[in-house]
C-alpha atoms as a PDB file:
ATOM      1  CA  MET A   1     -13.831  25.666  42.909  1.00  0.00           C
ATOM      2  CA  GLU A   2     -17.210  26.841  41.626  1.00  0.00           C
ATOM      3  CA  HIS A   3     -17.774  24.354  38.805  1.00  0.00           C
ATOM      4  CA  ASN A   4     -20.775  26.204  37.333  1.00  0.00           C
ATOM      5  CA  LYS A   5     -18.865  29.473  36.849  1.00  0.00           C
ATOM      6  CA  ARG A   6     -15.459  28.450  35.596  1.00  0.00           C
ATOM      7  CA  ILE A   7     -15.760  30.479  32.406  1.00  0.00           C
ATOM      8  CA  ILE A   8     -14.618  34.111  32.552  1.00  0.00           C
ATOM      9  CA  VAL A   9     -15.732  36.103  29.514  1.00  0.00           C
ATOM     10  CA  ALA A  10     -13.209  38.785  28.519  1.00  0.00           C
ATOM     11  CA  LEU A  11     -14.966  42.083  27.809  1.00  0.00           C
ATOM     12  CA  ASP A  12     -12.240  43.408  25.535  1.00  0.00           C
ATOM     13  CA  TYR A  13     -14.009  46.514  24.282  1.00  0.00           C
ATOM     14  CA  ASP A  14     -13.151  50.178  23.880  1.00  0.00           C
ATOM     15  CA  ASN A  15     -16.355  51.585  25.369  1.00  0.00           C
ATOM     16  CA  ALA A  16     -18.924  50.852  28.047  1.00  0.00           C
ATOM     17  CA  ASP A  17     -21.916  50.545  25.691  1.00  0.00           C
ATOM     18  CA  LYS A  18     -20.398  47.585  23.840  1.00  0.00           C
ATOM     19  CA  ALA A  19     -19.500  45.893  27.123  1.00  0.00           C
ATOM     20  CA  ILE A  20     -22.979  46.325  28.578  1.00  0.00           C
ATOM     21  CA  ALA A  21     -24.567  45.096  25.339  1.00  0.00           C
ATOM     22  CA  MET A  22     -22.511  41.909  25.622  1.00  0.00           C
ATOM     23  CA  VAL A  23     -23.301  41.474  29.305  1.00  0.00           C
ATOM     24  CA  HIS A  24     -26.999  41.538  28.445  1.00  0.00           C
ATOM     25  CA  GLN A  25     -26.441  38.455  26.264  1.00  0.00           C
ATOM     26  CA  LEU A  26     -24.743  36.437  29.010  1.00  0.00           C
ATOM     27  CA  ASP A  27     -25.978  34.537  32.058  1.00  0.00           C
ATOM     28  CA  PRO A  28     -24.329  35.466  35.392  1.00  0.00           C
ATOM     29  CA  ALA A  29     -25.163  31.997  36.685  1.00  0.00           C
ATOM     30  CA  ARG A  30     -22.899  30.489  34.025  1.00  0.00           C
ATOM     31  CA  CYS A  31     -19.951  32.834  33.820  1.00  0.00           C
ATOM     32  CA  ARG A  32     -18.020  35.708  35.274  1.00  0.00           C
ATOM     33  CA  VAL A  33     -16.588  38.597  33.257  1.00  0.00           C
ATOM     34  CA  LYS A  34     -13.139  40.141  32.914  1.00  0.00           C
ATOM     35  CA  ILE A  35     -12.522  43.861  32.630  1.00  0.00           C
ATOM     36  CA  GLY A  36      -9.003  44.696  31.509  1.00  0.00           C
ATOM     37  CA  LYS A  37      -6.846  47.760  31.011  1.00  0.00           C
ATOM     38  CA  GLU A  38      -8.420  49.115  27.819  1.00  0.00           C
ATOM     39  CA  LEU A  39     -12.036  48.987  28.959  1.00  0.00           C
ATOM     40  CA  PHE A  40     -11.231  50.144  32.492  1.00  0.00           C
ATOM     41  CA  THR A  41      -9.257  53.093  31.156  1.00  0.00           C
ATOM     42  CA  TYR A  42     -12.182  54.137  28.970  1.00  0.00           C
ATOM     43  CA  ALA A  43     -15.046  53.440  31.378  1.00  0.00           C
ATOM     44  CA  GLY A  44     -13.553  53.259  34.878  1.00  0.00           C
ATOM     45  CA  PRO A  45     -15.046  52.046  38.160  1.00  0.00           C
ATOM     46  CA  ASP A  46     -18.593  53.048  37.177  1.00  0.00           C
ATOM     47  CA  LEU A  47     -18.688  50.296  34.566  1.00  0.00           C
ATOM     48  CA  VAL A  48     -17.481  47.741  37.107  1.00  0.00           C
ATOM     49  CA  ARG A  49     -20.372  48.747  39.353  1.00  0.00           C
ATOM     50  CA  GLN A  50     -22.877  48.554  36.476  1.00  0.00           C
ATOM     51  CA  VAL A  51     -21.747  45.047  35.580  1.00  0.00           C
ATOM     52  CA  GLN A  52     -21.848  43.923  39.196  1.00  0.00           C
ATOM     53  CA  ASP A  53     -25.337  45.376  39.565  1.00  0.00           C
ATOM     54  CA  LYS A  54     -26.423  43.009  36.784  1.00  0.00           C
ATOM     55  CA  GLY A  55     -25.331  40.047  38.898  1.00  0.00           C
ATOM     56  CA  PHE A  56     -21.873  39.398  37.464  1.00  0.00           C
ATOM     57  CA  GLU A  57     -18.723  38.850  39.469  1.00  0.00           C
ATOM     58  CA  VAL A  58     -15.863  40.847  37.977  1.00  0.00           C
ATOM     59  CA  PHE A  59     -12.282  39.777  37.354  1.00  0.00           C
ATOM     60  CA  LEU A  60     -10.427  43.101  37.281  1.00  0.00           C
ATOM     61  CA  ASP A  61      -7.368  42.344  35.178  1.00  0.00           C
ATOM     62  CA  LEU A  62      -5.135  45.404  35.580  1.00  0.00           C
ATOM     63  CA  LYS A  63      -1.913  43.486  36.348  1.00  0.00           C
ATOM     64  CA  PHE A  64      -0.587  45.831  39.012  1.00  0.00           C
ATOM     65  CA  HIS A  65       3.221  46.101  38.975  1.00  0.00           C
ATOM     66  CA  ASP A  66       4.718  48.958  40.948  1.00  0.00           C
ATOM     67  CA  ILE A  67       6.395  49.754  44.239  1.00  0.00           C
ATOM     68  CA  PRO A  68       4.793  47.817  47.126  1.00  0.00           C
ATOM     69  CA  ASN A  69       3.011  50.776  48.711  1.00  0.00           C
ATOM     70  CA  THR A  70       1.394  51.789  45.429  1.00  0.00           C
ATOM     71  CA  VAL A  71       0.234  48.236  44.772  1.00  0.00           C
ATOM     72  CA  ARG A  72      -1.112  47.947  48.320  1.00  0.00           C
ATOM     73  CA  LYS A  73      -3.266  51.028  47.827  1.00  0.00           C
ATOM     74  CA  ALA A  74      -4.420  49.997  44.357  1.00  0.00           C
ATOM     75  CA  CYS A  75      -5.493  46.574  45.620  1.00  0.00           C
ATOM     76  CA  ALA A  76      -7.320  48.172  48.543  1.00  0.00           C
ATOM     77  CA  ALA A  77      -9.200  50.380  46.060  1.00  0.00           C
ATOM     78  CA  ALA A  78     -10.140  47.343  43.958  1.00  0.00           C
ATOM     79  CA  ALA A  79     -11.341  45.526  47.065  1.00  0.00           C
ATOM     80  CA  ASP A  80     -13.506  48.508  48.003  1.00  0.00           C
ATOM     81  CA  LEU A  81     -14.972  48.350  44.504  1.00  0.00           C
ATOM     82  CA  GLY A  82     -16.150  44.825  45.274  1.00  0.00           C
ATOM     83  CA  VAL A  83     -14.410  42.873  42.530  1.00  0.00           C
ATOM     84  CA  TRP A  84     -14.189  39.094  42.737  1.00  0.00           C
ATOM     85  CA  MET A  85     -10.620  38.706  41.478  1.00  0.00           C
ATOM     86  CA  LEU A  86      -7.700  40.935  40.504  1.00  0.00           C
ATOM     87  CA  THR A  87      -4.206  40.527  39.096  1.00  0.00           C
ATOM     88  CA  VAL A  88      -0.679  41.590  39.925  1.00  0.00           C
ATOM     89  CA  HIS A  89       2.565  40.728  38.129  1.00  0.00           C
ATOM     90  CA  ALA A  90       4.578  38.043  39.901  1.00  0.00           C
ATOM     91  CA  SER A  91       7.724  39.652  38.522  1.00  0.00           C
ATOM     92  CA  GLY A  92       7.075  42.518  40.952  1.00  0.00           C
ATOM     93  CA  GLY A  93       8.526  40.246  43.625  1.00  0.00           C
ATOM     94  CA  GLU A  94       7.600  38.899  47.028  1.00  0.00           C
ATOM     95  CA  GLU A  95       7.456  42.222  48.868  1.00  0.00           C
ATOM     96  CA  MET A  96       5.076  43.659  46.289  1.00  0.00           C
ATOM     97  CA  MET A  97       2.793  40.617  46.353  1.00  0.00           C
ATOM     98  CA  LEU A  98       2.685  40.589  50.148  1.00  0.00           C
ATOM     99  CA  ALA A  99       1.756  44.275  50.006  1.00  0.00           C
ATOM    100  CA  ALA A 100      -1.101  43.374  47.652  1.00  0.00           C
ATOM    101  CA  ARG A 101      -2.322  40.849  50.210  1.00  0.00           C
ATOM    102  CA  GLU A 102      -2.190  43.500  52.919  1.00  0.00           C
ATOM    103  CA  GLY A 103      -4.178  45.824  50.681  1.00  0.00           C
ATOM    104  CA  VAL A 104      -7.191  43.502  50.474  1.00  0.00           C
ATOM    105  CA  ALA A 105      -6.972  42.106  54.002  1.00  0.00           C
ATOM    106  CA  GLY A 106      -9.442  44.556  55.516  1.00  0.00           C
ATOM    107  CA  ALA A 107     -12.132  44.184  52.863  1.00  0.00           C
ATOM    108  CA  GLU A 108     -15.525  42.769  53.790  1.00  0.00           C
ATOM    109  CA  HIS A 109     -15.277  40.369  50.856  1.00  0.00           C
ATOM    110  CA  ALA A 110     -11.609  40.235  49.920  1.00  0.00           C
ATOM    111  CA  PRO A 111     -11.049  39.540  46.222  1.00  0.00           C
ATOM    112  CA  LYS A 112      -8.973  36.626  45.048  1.00  0.00           C
ATOM    113  CA  LEU A 113      -5.435  37.710  44.230  1.00  0.00           C
ATOM    114  CA  VAL A 114      -3.793  36.019  41.269  1.00  0.00           C
ATOM    115  CA  ALA A 115      -0.345  36.694  39.900  1.00  0.00           C
ATOM    116  CA  VAL A 116       0.645  36.764  36.238  1.00  0.00           C
ATOM    117  CA  THR A 117       3.676  34.570  35.551  1.00  0.00           C
ATOM    118  CA  VAL A 118       4.647  34.861  31.876  1.00  0.00           C
ATOM    119  CA  LEU A 119       2.199  36.484  29.470  1.00  0.00           C
ATOM    120  CA  THR A 120       0.651  33.942  27.093  1.00  0.00           C
ATOM    121  CA  SER A 121       1.694  36.109  24.135  1.00  0.00           C
ATOM    122  CA  MET A 122       5.374  35.564  25.003  1.00  0.00           C
ATOM    123  CA  GLN A 123       7.809  32.942  23.737  1.00  0.00           C
ATOM    124  CA  GLU A 124      11.303  31.951  24.843  1.00  0.00           C
ATOM    125  CA  SER A 125      12.841  34.347  22.346  1.00  0.00           C
ATOM    126  CA  ASP A 126      11.063  37.179  24.180  1.00  0.00           C
ATOM    127  CA  LEU A 127      12.535  36.052  27.501  1.00  0.00           C
ATOM    128  CA  SER A 128      15.974  35.942  25.939  1.00  0.00           C
ATOM    129  CA  GLN A 129      15.601  39.545  24.807  1.00  0.00           C
ATOM    130  CA  LEU A 130      14.907  40.461  28.420  1.00  0.00           C
ATOM    131  CA  GLY A 131      18.100  38.784  29.582  1.00  0.00           C
ATOM    132  CA  ILE A 132      16.324  35.752  31.101  1.00  0.00           C
ATOM    133  CA  SER A 133      18.276  32.604  30.297  1.00  0.00           C
ATOM    134  CA  ARG A 134      15.782  30.123  31.764  1.00  0.00           C
ATOM    135  CA  SER A 135      13.365  28.295  29.528  1.00  0.00           C
ATOM    136  CA  LEU A 136       9.829  29.656  29.415  1.00  0.00           C
ATOM    137  CA  GLU A 137       8.572  26.718  31.488  1.00  0.00           C
ATOM    138  CA  GLU A 138      11.296  27.195  34.103  1.00  0.00           C
ATOM    139  CA  GLN A 139      10.438  30.883  34.409  1.00  0.00           C
ATOM    140  CA  VAL A 140       6.738  30.106  34.841  1.00  0.00           C
ATOM    141  CA  MET A 141       7.507  27.520  37.542  1.00  0.00           C
ATOM    142  CA  ARG A 142       9.811  29.882  39.401  1.00  0.00           C
ATOM    143  CA  LEU A 143       7.304  32.742  39.395  1.00  0.00           C
ATOM    144  CA  ALA A 144       4.407  30.444  40.309  1.00  0.00           C
ATOM    145  CA  SER A 145       6.309  29.099  43.327  1.00  0.00           C
ATOM    146  CA  LEU A 146       7.154  32.646  44.380  1.00  0.00           C
ATOM    147  CA  SER A 147       3.481  33.601  44.040  1.00  0.00           C
ATOM    148  CA  GLN A 148       2.328  30.809  46.325  1.00  0.00           C
ATOM    149  CA  GLN A 149       5.067  31.714  48.810  1.00  0.00           C
ATOM    150  CA  SER A 150       3.848  35.327  48.650  1.00  0.00           C
ATOM    151  CA  LYS A 151       0.266  34.432  49.676  1.00  0.00           C
ATOM    152  CA  MET A 152      -1.392  34.721  46.306  1.00  0.00           C
ATOM    153  CA  ASP A 153      -4.579  32.698  45.697  1.00  0.00           C
ATOM    154  CA  GLY A 154      -3.404  31.537  42.300  1.00  0.00           C
ATOM    155  CA  VAL A 155      -1.645  32.402  39.091  1.00  0.00           C
ATOM    156  CA  VAL A 156      -2.529  33.217  35.521  1.00  0.00           C
ATOM    157  CA  CYS A 157      -0.790  30.737  33.248  1.00  0.00           C
ATOM    158  CA  SER A 158      -0.962  28.983  29.913  1.00  0.00           C
ATOM    159  CA  ALA A 159      -2.941  25.745  29.979  1.00  0.00           C
ATOM    160  CA  LYS A 160       0.129  24.036  28.550  1.00  0.00           C
ATOM    161  CA  GLU A 161       1.917  24.641  31.870  1.00  0.00           C
ATOM    162  CA  VAL A 162      -0.949  23.499  34.081  1.00  0.00           C
ATOM    163  CA  VAL A 163       0.047  19.840  34.451  1.00  0.00           C
ATOM    164  CA  GLU A 164       3.507  20.679  35.760  1.00  0.00           C
ATOM    165  CA  LEU A 165       2.164  23.477  37.944  1.00  0.00           C
ATOM    166  CA  ARG A 166      -0.292  21.068  39.543  1.00  0.00           C
ATOM    167  CA  LYS A 167       2.650  18.888  40.591  1.00  0.00           C
ATOM    168  CA  LEU A 168       4.437  21.881  42.092  1.00  0.00           C
ATOM    169  CA  LEU A 169       1.666  23.825  43.826  1.00  0.00           C
ATOM    170  CA  SER A 170      -0.945  23.086  46.478  1.00  0.00           C
ATOM    171  CA  GLU A 171      -4.287  21.634  45.422  1.00  0.00           C
ATOM    172  CA  ASN A 172      -6.281  24.730  46.389  1.00  0.00           C
ATOM    173  CA  PHE A 173      -4.006  27.135  44.482  1.00  0.00           C
ATOM    174  CA  ALA A 174      -6.052  28.428  41.553  1.00  0.00           C
ATOM    175  CA  LEU A 175      -4.855  28.237  37.963  1.00  0.00           C
ATOM    176  CA  VAL A 176      -6.467  30.835  35.689  1.00  0.00           C
ATOM    177  CA  THR A 177      -5.998  30.113  32.016  1.00  0.00           C
ATOM    178  CA  PRO A 178      -6.275  32.595  29.147  1.00  0.00           C
ATOM    179  CA  GLY A 179      -5.647  31.616  25.538  1.00  0.00           C
ATOM    180  CA  ILE A 180      -8.653  29.289  25.500  1.00  0.00           C
ATOM    181  CA  ARG A 181      -9.907  28.578  21.996  1.00  0.00           C
ATOM    182  CA  PRO A 182     -12.687  26.058  21.215  1.00  0.00           C
ATOM    183  CA  SER A 183     -11.798  23.543  18.508  1.00  0.00           C
ATOM    184  CA  GLY A 184     -11.686  25.231  15.122  1.00  0.00           C
ATOM    185  CA  SER A 185     -11.206  28.754  16.491  1.00  0.00           C
ATOM    186  CA  ALA A 186      -8.340  30.997  15.380  1.00  0.00           C
ATOM    187  CA  SER A 187      -5.570  31.447  17.955  1.00  0.00           C
ATOM    188  CA  GLY A 188      -5.375  35.212  17.347  1.00  0.00           C
ATOM    189  CA  ASP A 189      -2.523  36.903  19.220  1.00  0.00           C
ATOM    190  CA  GLN A 190      -2.173  34.121  21.787  1.00  0.00           C
ATOM    191  CA  LYS A 191       0.825  31.844  21.185  1.00  0.00           C
ATOM    192  CA  ARG A 192       0.096  29.130  23.778  1.00  0.00           C
ATOM    193  CA  VAL A 193      -3.516  28.044  23.396  1.00  0.00           C
ATOM    194  CA  MET A 194      -5.683  25.076  24.377  1.00  0.00           C
ATOM    195  CA  THR A 195      -9.306  23.958  24.040  1.00  0.00           C
ATOM    196  CA  PRO A 196     -11.651  24.210  27.046  1.00  0.00           C
ATOM    197  CA  ARG A 197     -11.787  20.432  27.442  1.00  0.00           C
ATOM    198  CA  GLU A 198      -7.997  20.102  27.334  1.00  0.00           C
ATOM    199  CA  ALA A 199      -7.543  22.910  29.854  1.00  0.00           C
ATOM    200  CA  ILE A 200      -9.959  21.449  32.396  1.00  0.00           C
ATOM    201  CA  GLN A 201      -8.542  17.957  31.996  1.00  0.00           C
ATOM    202  CA  SER A 202      -5.049  19.376  32.533  1.00  0.00           C
ATOM    203  CA  GLY A 203      -6.101  21.004  35.811  1.00  0.00           C
ATOM    204  CA  SER A 204      -7.168  24.579  35.054  1.00  0.00           C
ATOM    205  CA  ASN A 205      -9.707  26.050  37.455  1.00  0.00           C
ATOM    206  CA  TYR A 206     -10.900  29.098  35.532  1.00  0.00           C
ATOM    207  CA  LEU A 207     -10.903  29.625  31.770  1.00  0.00           C
ATOM    208  CA  VAL A 208     -10.690  33.101  30.233  1.00  0.00           C
ATOM    209  CA  VAL A 209     -12.501  33.175  26.889  1.00  0.00           C
ATOM    210  CA  GLY A 210     -12.863  36.288  24.749  1.00  0.00           C
ATOM    211  CA  ARG A 211     -13.470  36.418  21.016  1.00  0.00           C
ATOM    212  CA  PRO A 212     -14.907  32.890  20.614  1.00  0.00           C
ATOM    213  CA  ILE A 213     -17.836  34.168  22.708  1.00  0.00           C
ATOM    214  CA  THR A 214     -17.877  37.933  22.207  1.00  0.00           C
ATOM    215  CA  GLN A 215     -17.500  37.771  18.424  1.00  0.00           C
ATOM    216  CA  ALA A 216     -19.888  34.858  17.946  1.00  0.00           C
ATOM    217  CA  ARG A 217     -23.156  35.454  16.098  1.00  0.00           C
ATOM    218  CA  ASN A 218     -24.912  34.081  19.171  1.00  0.00           C
ATOM    219  CA  PRO A 219     -22.729  34.717  22.263  1.00  0.00           C
ATOM    220  CA  GLU A 220     -25.131  32.916  24.594  1.00  0.00           C
ATOM    221  CA  ALA A 221     -25.036  29.780  22.437  1.00  0.00           C
ATOM    222  CA  ALA A 222     -21.230  29.960  22.238  1.00  0.00           C
ATOM    223  CA  LEU A 223     -21.014  30.280  26.031  1.00  0.00           C
ATOM    224  CA  ASN A 224     -23.377  27.352  26.512  1.00  0.00           C
ATOM    225  CA  ALA A 225     -21.365  25.173  24.128  1.00  0.00           C
ATOM    226  CA  ILE A 226     -18.160  25.841  26.092  1.00  0.00           C
ATOM    227  CA  PHE A 227     -20.040  25.348  29.360  1.00  0.00           C
ATOM    228  CA  ASP A 228     -21.254  21.935  28.160  1.00  0.00           C
ATOM    229  CA  GLU A 229     -17.754  21.009  26.954  1.00  0.00           C
ATOM    230  CA  ILE A 230     -16.059  21.716  30.271  1.00  0.00           C
ATOM    231  CA  ASN A 231     -18.815  19.947  32.223  1.00  0.00           C
ATOM    232  CA  ALA A 232     -18.298  16.892  30.034  1.00  0.00           C
ATOM    233  CA  ALA A 233     -14.586  17.064  30.780  1.00  0.00           C
END
């Protein structure tokens, strides 16, 4: 894994100007950036290209979940856009994930494909409402195993599940961890959170960090502090 770029800064904005203003305060040698559904819906592929032109690798977090052929085509489009990483929902099943792999196979620089197991905003009570009787951890493990079987490069998971996932999955299978909050930060709408040091020590490969950087008075200093913390870990 690229140890100097393990931080992925979440550009959770509602317009391109705010996103670009933040990008100007970050160092592409020290982080990558995530563009999710809200920002992509507002600004589209042009913003992805603008950010990439500034030297940043983009994690396109659109969590594709549809019939296999639709997901295949969507992943092919993302690969043509040149993104570094993109997401699908593991709950879409093996056929859908294999179709995603087929979609990026012909790209000159195929993006990493990572599957979302259980959203970090969810708790066991939410699974119960969906008719899933397994514990949250059991559901994560099941979907992570299915993702590896389905030729994904990794999964998105809570840092609190990383230790057990490391026992279950191959060493080169990437674990991407949202819900990262430096010590003293508010957890916000994430229910299963962990500090950068704890996440790296547990076995996370990439850490998704949003508000602790993007809402800091000095985003560059906040990024550097997290960078130093994970290097010390």
